[in-house]
Amino acid sequence: MDLCAQIWKLLMLQKPIEVTAILKTRIKGLENRDLVDGFAKLVEMDLITFLLWLDSRKIELNVLFQENISKNWEAIIAQENKISKEVVKINQAKRMNKLKRLLKRNNTEEDVMSQYMLKTYAWSRSIQEIENSRFTKVLQDNDGQDNFISSEWAKSSADMFRERSIWGRNSALEERKWRLDFTE
């Protein structure tokens, strides 16, 4: 109780106008001038005198604090709760919008990345197929060229070694070979 009286004294010393305004609240059937004067004298009173004064004004103080001030306090709390709920609702809406934007952005990035991967894979497969077809064509061309060269070599070789060719046998020349004529 001593601590409560100390707090009231501090309030009266630090905020006398605000405390007086609270105590001057008009309540039906209650004379509040005596309460204002009593709390104003709290600064001058000792603790025991203040406690005796509180006991003598218990009914008026209960009416003042429980009915009037507590109603105002409950109204303030209700208003704060309402504002808090609205703020929470607004923050949740903002958060949901932000999450939707992030989800949309993430989905867009995933789509772009998957399209990039598919196009890159298709591009590399296309290049690989082109290079494989070129390689196959080169092998076929090389094989065709080898066959052509082999056939041409065989034909040229046969032409060179047949009768009366460069390296072939020439029977007419063999008969015309120079012989010693014994009559000469």
C-alpha atoms as a PDB file:
ATOM      1  CA  MET A   1       0.000   0.000   0.000  1.00  0.00           C
ATOM      2  CA  ASP A   2       2.926   2.259   0.743  1.00  0.00           C
ATOM      3  CA  LEU A   3       4.127   1.815  -2.831  1.00  0.00           C
ATOM      4  CA  CYS A   4       0.704   2.749  -4.246  1.00  0.00           C
ATOM      5  CA  ALA A   5       0.651   5.934  -2.180  1.00  0.00           C
ATOM      6  CA  GLN A   6       4.152   6.741  -3.408  1.00  0.00           C
ATOM      7  CA  ILE A   7       3.008   6.273  -7.016  1.00  0.00           C
ATOM      8  CA  TRP A   8       0.006   8.569  -6.462  1.00  0.00           C
ATOM      9  CA  LYS A   9       2.286  11.171  -4.918  1.00  0.00           C
ATOM     10  CA  LEU A  10       4.588  10.951  -7.938  1.00  0.00           C
ATOM     11  CA  LEU A  11       1.633  11.302 -10.288  1.00  0.00           C
ATOM     12  CA  MET A  12       0.343  14.323  -8.403  1.00  0.00           C
ATOM     13  CA  LEU A  13       3.784  15.914  -8.419  1.00  0.00           C
ATOM     14  CA  GLN A  14       4.657  15.125 -12.042  1.00  0.00           C
ATOM     15  CA  LYS A  15       1.233  15.388 -13.731  1.00  0.00           C
ATOM     16  CA  PRO A  16      -1.049  17.418 -11.451  1.00  0.00           C
ATOM     17  CA  ILE A  17      -3.186  18.816 -14.287  1.00  0.00           C
ATOM     18  CA  GLU A  18      -3.908  15.389 -15.838  1.00  0.00           C
ATOM     19  CA  VAL A  19      -4.730  13.736 -12.491  1.00  0.00           C
ATOM     20  CA  THR A  20      -7.000  16.648 -11.544  1.00  0.00           C
ATOM     21  CA  ALA A  21      -8.776  16.328 -14.914  1.00  0.00           C
ATOM     22  CA  ILE A  22      -9.365  12.626 -14.249  1.00  0.00           C
ATOM     23  CA  LEU A  23     -10.701  13.328 -10.787  1.00  0.00           C
ATOM     24  CA  LYS A  24     -12.970  16.160 -12.018  1.00  0.00           C
ATOM     25  CA  THR A  25     -14.948  13.724 -14.157  1.00  0.00           C
ATOM     26  CA  ARG A  26     -18.629  14.255 -13.369  1.00  0.00           C
ATOM     27  CA  ILE A  27     -20.492  11.251 -12.115  1.00  0.00           C
ATOM     28  CA  LYS A  28     -24.197  11.223 -11.186  1.00  0.00           C
ATOM     29  CA  GLY A  29     -24.770  11.446  -7.477  1.00  0.00           C
ATOM     30  CA  LEU A  30     -21.110  11.960  -6.622  1.00  0.00           C
ATOM     31  CA  GLU A  31     -19.506  15.116  -5.355  1.00  0.00           C
ATOM     32  CA  ASN A  32     -16.015  15.044  -6.776  1.00  0.00           C
ATOM     33  CA  ARG A  33     -14.739  18.342  -5.405  1.00  0.00           C
ATOM     34  CA  ASP A  34     -13.892  16.626  -2.128  1.00  0.00           C
ATOM     35  CA  LEU A  35     -11.946  13.929  -4.050  1.00  0.00           C
ATOM     36  CA  VAL A  36      -9.965  16.506  -6.001  1.00  0.00           C
ATOM     37  CA  ASP A  37      -9.053  18.367  -2.827  1.00  0.00           C
ATOM     38  CA  GLY A  38      -8.190  15.120  -1.026  1.00  0.00           C
ATOM     39  CA  PHE A  39      -5.836  13.933  -3.764  1.00  0.00           C
ATOM     40  CA  ALA A  40      -4.320  17.397  -4.008  1.00  0.00           C
ATOM     41  CA  LYS A  41      -3.501  17.246  -0.293  1.00  0.00           C
ATOM     42  CA  LEU A  42      -1.852  13.851  -0.820  1.00  0.00           C
ATOM     43  CA  VAL A  43       1.423  15.615  -1.414  1.00  0.00           C
ATOM     44  CA  GLU A  44       1.152  17.316   1.977  1.00  0.00           C
ATOM     45  CA  MET A  45      -0.288  14.327   3.923  1.00  0.00           C
ATOM     46  CA  ASP A  46       1.623  11.559   5.564  1.00  0.00           C
ATOM     47  CA  LEU A  47       0.829   7.965   4.638  1.00  0.00           C
ATOM     48  CA  ILE A  48      -1.436   7.132   7.600  1.00  0.00           C
ATOM     49  CA  THR A  49      -3.579  10.237   7.120  1.00  0.00           C
ATOM     50  CA  PHE A  50      -3.911   9.476   3.401  1.00  0.00           C
ATOM     51  CA  LEU A  51      -4.961   5.880   4.123  1.00  0.00           C
ATOM     52  CA  LEU A  52      -7.579   7.066   6.625  1.00  0.00           C
ATOM     53  CA  TRP A  53      -8.866   9.567   4.052  1.00  0.00           C
ATOM     54  CA  LEU A  54      -9.036   6.744   1.459  1.00  0.00           C
ATOM     55  CA  ASP A  55     -11.051   4.538   3.831  1.00  0.00           C
ATOM     56  CA  SER A  56     -13.486   7.369   4.523  1.00  0.00           C
ATOM     57  CA  ARG A  57     -14.045   7.960   0.775  1.00  0.00           C
ATOM     58  CA  LYS A  58     -14.039   4.313  -0.276  1.00  0.00           C
ATOM     59  CA  ILE A  59     -17.519   4.312  -1.869  1.00  0.00           C
ATOM     60  CA  GLU A  60     -16.935   7.469  -3.920  1.00  0.00           C
ATOM     61  CA  LEU A  61     -13.510   6.270  -5.042  1.00  0.00           C
ATOM     62  CA  ASN A  62     -14.881   2.864  -6.055  1.00  0.00           C
ATOM     63  CA  VAL A  63     -17.608   4.543  -8.098  1.00  0.00           C
ATOM     64  CA  LEU A  64     -15.070   6.901  -9.664  1.00  0.00           C
ATOM     65  CA  PHE A  65     -12.485   4.278 -10.547  1.00  0.00           C
ATOM     66  CA  GLN A  66     -14.601   1.201 -11.205  1.00  0.00           C
ATOM     67  CA  GLU A  67     -17.529   2.688 -13.017  1.00  0.00           C
ATOM     68  CA  ASN A  68     -16.225   5.761 -14.758  1.00  0.00           C
ATOM     69  CA  ILE A  69     -12.500   5.428 -15.264  1.00  0.00           C
ATOM     70  CA  SER A  70     -12.635   1.678 -15.904  1.00  0.00           C
ATOM     71  CA  LYS A  71     -15.356   2.253 -18.536  1.00  0.00           C
ATOM     72  CA  ASN A  72     -13.186   4.854 -20.206  1.00  0.00           C
ATOM     73  CA  TRP A  73     -10.215   2.536 -19.926  1.00  0.00           C
ATOM     74  CA  GLU A  74     -12.188  -0.356 -21.417  1.00  0.00           C
ATOM     75  CA  ALA A  75     -13.328   1.921 -24.242  1.00  0.00           C
ATOM     76  CA  ILE A  76      -9.705   2.896 -24.880  1.00  0.00           C
ATOM     77  CA  ILE A  77      -8.644  -0.760 -24.784  1.00  0.00           C
ATOM     78  CA  ALA A  78     -11.497  -1.727 -27.127  1.00  0.00           C
ATOM     79  CA  GLN A  79     -10.481   1.051 -29.526  1.00  0.00           C
ATOM     80  CA  GLU A  80      -6.837  -0.033 -29.351  1.00  0.00           C
ATOM     81  CA  ASN A  81      -7.840  -3.651 -29.951  1.00  0.00           C
ATOM     82  CA  LYS A  82      -9.939  -2.590 -32.940  1.00  0.00           C
ATOM     83  CA  ILE A  83      -7.069  -0.533 -34.343  1.00  0.00           C
ATOM     84  CA  SER A  84      -4.649  -3.399 -33.666  1.00  0.00           C
ATOM     85  CA  LYS A  85      -6.921  -5.852 -35.481  1.00  0.00           C
ATOM     86  CA  GLU A  86      -7.196  -3.472 -38.437  1.00  0.00           C
ATOM     87  CA  VAL A  87      -3.430  -3.012 -38.487  1.00  0.00           C
ATOM     88  CA  VAL A  88      -2.947  -6.780 -38.317  1.00  0.00           C
ATOM     89  CA  LYS A  89      -5.473  -7.244 -41.134  1.00  0.00           C
ATOM     90  CA  ILE A  90      -3.727  -4.580 -43.246  1.00  0.00           C
ATOM     91  CA  ASN A  91      -0.328  -6.119 -42.522  1.00  0.00           C
ATOM     92  CA  GLN A  92      -1.640  -9.570 -43.409  1.00  0.00           C
ATOM     93  CA  ALA A  93      -3.078  -8.217 -46.661  1.00  0.00           C
ATOM     94  CA  LYS A  94       0.243  -6.533 -47.472  1.00  0.00           C
ATOM     95  CA  ARG A  95       2.090  -9.726 -46.594  1.00  0.00           C
ATOM     96  CA  MET A  96      -0.246 -11.816 -48.747  1.00  0.00           C
ATOM     97  CA  ASN A  97       0.212  -9.387 -51.661  1.00  0.00           C
ATOM     98  CA  LYS A  98       3.961  -9.515 -51.218  1.00  0.00           C
ATOM     99  CA  LEU A  99       3.893 -13.309 -50.996  1.00  0.00           C
ATOM    100  CA  LYS A 100       1.743 -13.456 -54.138  1.00  0.00           C
ATOM    101  CA  ARG A 101       4.198 -11.180 -55.953  1.00  0.00           C
ATOM    102  CA  LEU A 102       7.125 -13.289 -54.754  1.00  0.00           C
ATOM    103  CA  LEU A 103       5.345 -16.490 -55.777  1.00  0.00           C
ATOM    104  CA  LYS A 104       4.522 -15.030 -59.199  1.00  0.00           C
ATOM    105  CA  ARG A 105       8.114 -13.842 -59.600  1.00  0.00           C
ATOM    106  CA  ASN A 106       9.422 -17.235 -58.499  1.00  0.00           C
ATOM    107  CA  ASN A 107       7.095 -19.030 -60.927  1.00  0.00           C
ATOM    108  CA  THR A 108       8.139 -16.673 -63.723  1.00  0.00           C
ATOM    109  CA  GLU A 109      11.813 -17.272 -62.966  1.00  0.00           C
ATOM    110  CA  GLU A 110      11.231 -21.038 -62.893  1.00  0.00           C
ATOM    111  CA  ASP A 111       9.370 -20.850 -66.225  1.00  0.00           C
ATOM    112  CA  VAL A 112      12.143 -18.779 -67.787  1.00  0.00           C
ATOM    113  CA  MET A 113      14.752 -21.165 -66.417  1.00  0.00           C
ATOM    114  CA  SER A 114      12.893 -24.265 -67.632  1.00  0.00           C
ATOM    115  CA  GLN A 115      12.385 -22.695 -71.085  1.00  0.00           C
ATOM    116  CA  TYR A 116      16.075 -21.785 -71.145  1.00  0.00           C
ATOM    117  CA  MET A 117      17.025 -25.343 -70.211  1.00  0.00           C
ATOM    118  CA  LEU A 118      14.680 -26.839 -72.828  1.00  0.00           C
ATOM    119  CA  LYS A 119      15.872 -24.473 -75.560  1.00  0.00           C
ATOM    120  CA  THR A 120      19.508 -25.025 -74.616  1.00  0.00           C
ATOM    121  CA  TYR A 121      19.008 -28.793 -74.652  1.00  0.00           C
ATOM    122  CA  ALA A 122      17.223 -28.617 -78.031  1.00  0.00           C
ATOM    123  CA  TRP A 123      19.960 -26.340 -79.396  1.00  0.00           C
ATOM    124  CA  SER A 124      22.746 -28.664 -78.235  1.00  0.00           C
ATOM    125  CA  ARG A 125      20.878 -31.724 -79.595  1.00  0.00           C
ATOM    126  CA  SER A 126      20.430 -29.916 -82.925  1.00  0.00           C
ATOM    127  CA  ILE A 127      24.129 -29.057 -83.093  1.00  0.00           C
ATOM    128  CA  GLN A 128      25.002 -32.627 -82.148  1.00  0.00           C
ATOM    129  CA  GLU A 129      22.719 -34.020 -84.878  1.00  0.00           C
ATOM    130  CA  ILE A 130      24.160 -31.611 -87.461  1.00  0.00           C
ATOM    131  CA  GLU A 131      27.713 -32.569 -86.504  1.00  0.00           C
ATOM    132  CA  ASN A 132      26.822 -36.283 -86.550  1.00  0.00           C
ATOM    133  CA  SER A 133      25.262 -35.927 -90.016  1.00  0.00           C
ATOM    134  CA  ARG A 134      28.343 -34.029 -91.225  1.00  0.00           C
ATOM    135  CA  PHE A 135      30.602 -36.713 -89.779  1.00  0.00           C
ATOM    136  CA  THR A 136      28.506 -39.455 -91.403  1.00  0.00           C
ATOM    137  CA  LYS A 137      28.602 -37.600 -94.727  1.00  0.00           C
ATOM    138  CA  VAL A 138      32.385 -37.173 -94.464  1.00  0.00           C
ATOM    139  CA  LEU A 139      32.744 -40.902 -93.752  1.00  0.00           C
ATOM    140  CA  GLN A 140      30.516 -41.743 -96.722  1.00  0.00           C
ATOM    141  CA  ASP A 141      32.416 -39.293 -98.957  1.00  0.00           C
ATOM    142  CA  ASN A 142      35.717 -40.743 -97.774  1.00  0.00           C
ATOM    143  CA  ASP A 143      34.480 -44.292 -98.375  1.00  0.00           C
ATOM    144  CA  GLY A 144      33.199 -43.314-101.846  1.00  0.00           C
ATOM    145  CA  GLN A 145      36.498 -41.597-102.632  1.00  0.00           C
ATOM    146  CA  ASP A 146      38.454 -44.667-101.485  1.00  0.00           C
ATOM    147  CA  ASN A 147      36.291 -46.903-103.686  1.00  0.00           C
ATOM    148  CA  PHE A 148      36.709 -44.532-106.645  1.00  0.00           C
ATOM    149  CA  ILE A 149      40.484 -44.320-106.170  1.00  0.00           C
ATOM    150  CA  SER A 150      40.738 -48.111-105.827  1.00  0.00           C
ATOM    151  CA  SER A 151      38.738 -48.707-108.980  1.00  0.00           C
ATOM    152  CA  GLU A 152      40.660 -46.020-110.893  1.00  0.00           C
ATOM    153  CA  TRP A 153      43.968 -47.436-109.650  1.00  0.00           C
ATOM    154  CA  ALA A 154      42.968 -50.909-110.708  1.00  0.00           C
ATOM    155  CA  LYS A 155      41.874 -49.626-114.113  1.00  0.00           C
ATOM    156  CA  SER A 156      45.034 -47.512-114.551  1.00  0.00           C
ATOM    157  CA  SER A 157      47.193 -50.371-113.389  1.00  0.00           C
ATOM    158  CA  ALA A 158      45.516 -52.735-115.819  1.00  0.00           C
ATOM    159  CA  ASP A 159      45.987 -50.170-118.595  1.00  0.00           C
ATOM    160  CA  MET A 160      49.684 -49.822-117.817  1.00  0.00           C
ATOM    161  CA  PHE A 161      50.466 -53.513-117.726  1.00  0.00           C
ATOM    162  CA  ARG A 162      48.482 -54.770-120.694  1.00  0.00           C
ATOM    163  CA  GLU A 163      50.056 -55.610-123.941  1.00  0.00           C
ATOM    164  CA  ARG A 164      51.744 -52.727-125.731  1.00  0.00           C
ATOM    165  CA  SER A 165      51.405 -50.360-122.831  1.00  0.00           C
ATOM    166  CA  ILE A 166      54.204 -48.623-120.967  1.00  0.00           C
ATOM    167  CA  TRP A 167      55.066 -51.550-118.733  1.00  0.00           C
ATOM    168  CA  GLY A 168      53.195 -54.248-120.525  1.00  0.00           C
ATOM    169  CA  ARG A 169      54.602 -56.847-122.928  1.00  0.00           C
ATOM    170  CA  ASN A 170      55.032 -55.739-126.460  1.00  0.00           C
ATOM    171  CA  SER A 171      55.278 -58.844-128.714  1.00  0.00           C
ATOM    172  CA  ALA A 172      55.736 -56.814-131.882  1.00  0.00           C
ATOM    173  CA  LEU A 173      58.795 -55.156-130.418  1.00  0.00           C
ATOM    174  CA  GLU A 174      60.216 -58.433-129.332  1.00  0.00           C
ATOM    175  CA  GLU A 175      60.027 -59.663-132.905  1.00  0.00           C
ATOM    176  CA  ARG A 176      61.621 -56.496-134.224  1.00  0.00           C
ATOM    177  CA  LYS A 177      64.458 -56.754-131.908  1.00  0.00           C
ATOM    178  CA  TRP A 178      67.816 -56.123-133.527  1.00  0.00           C
ATOM    179  CA  ARG A 179      69.601 -59.231-134.590  1.00  0.00           C
ATOM    180  CA  LEU A 180      72.913 -59.690-136.063  1.00  0.00           C
ATOM    181  CA  ASP A 181      72.647 -60.274-139.693  1.00  0.00           C
ATOM    182  CA  PHE A 182      75.304 -62.769-140.632  1.00  0.00           C
ATOM    183  CA  THR A 183      75.515 -61.516-144.137  1.00  0.00           C
ATOM    184  CA  GLU A 184      76.807 -58.218-143.246  1.00  0.00           C
END
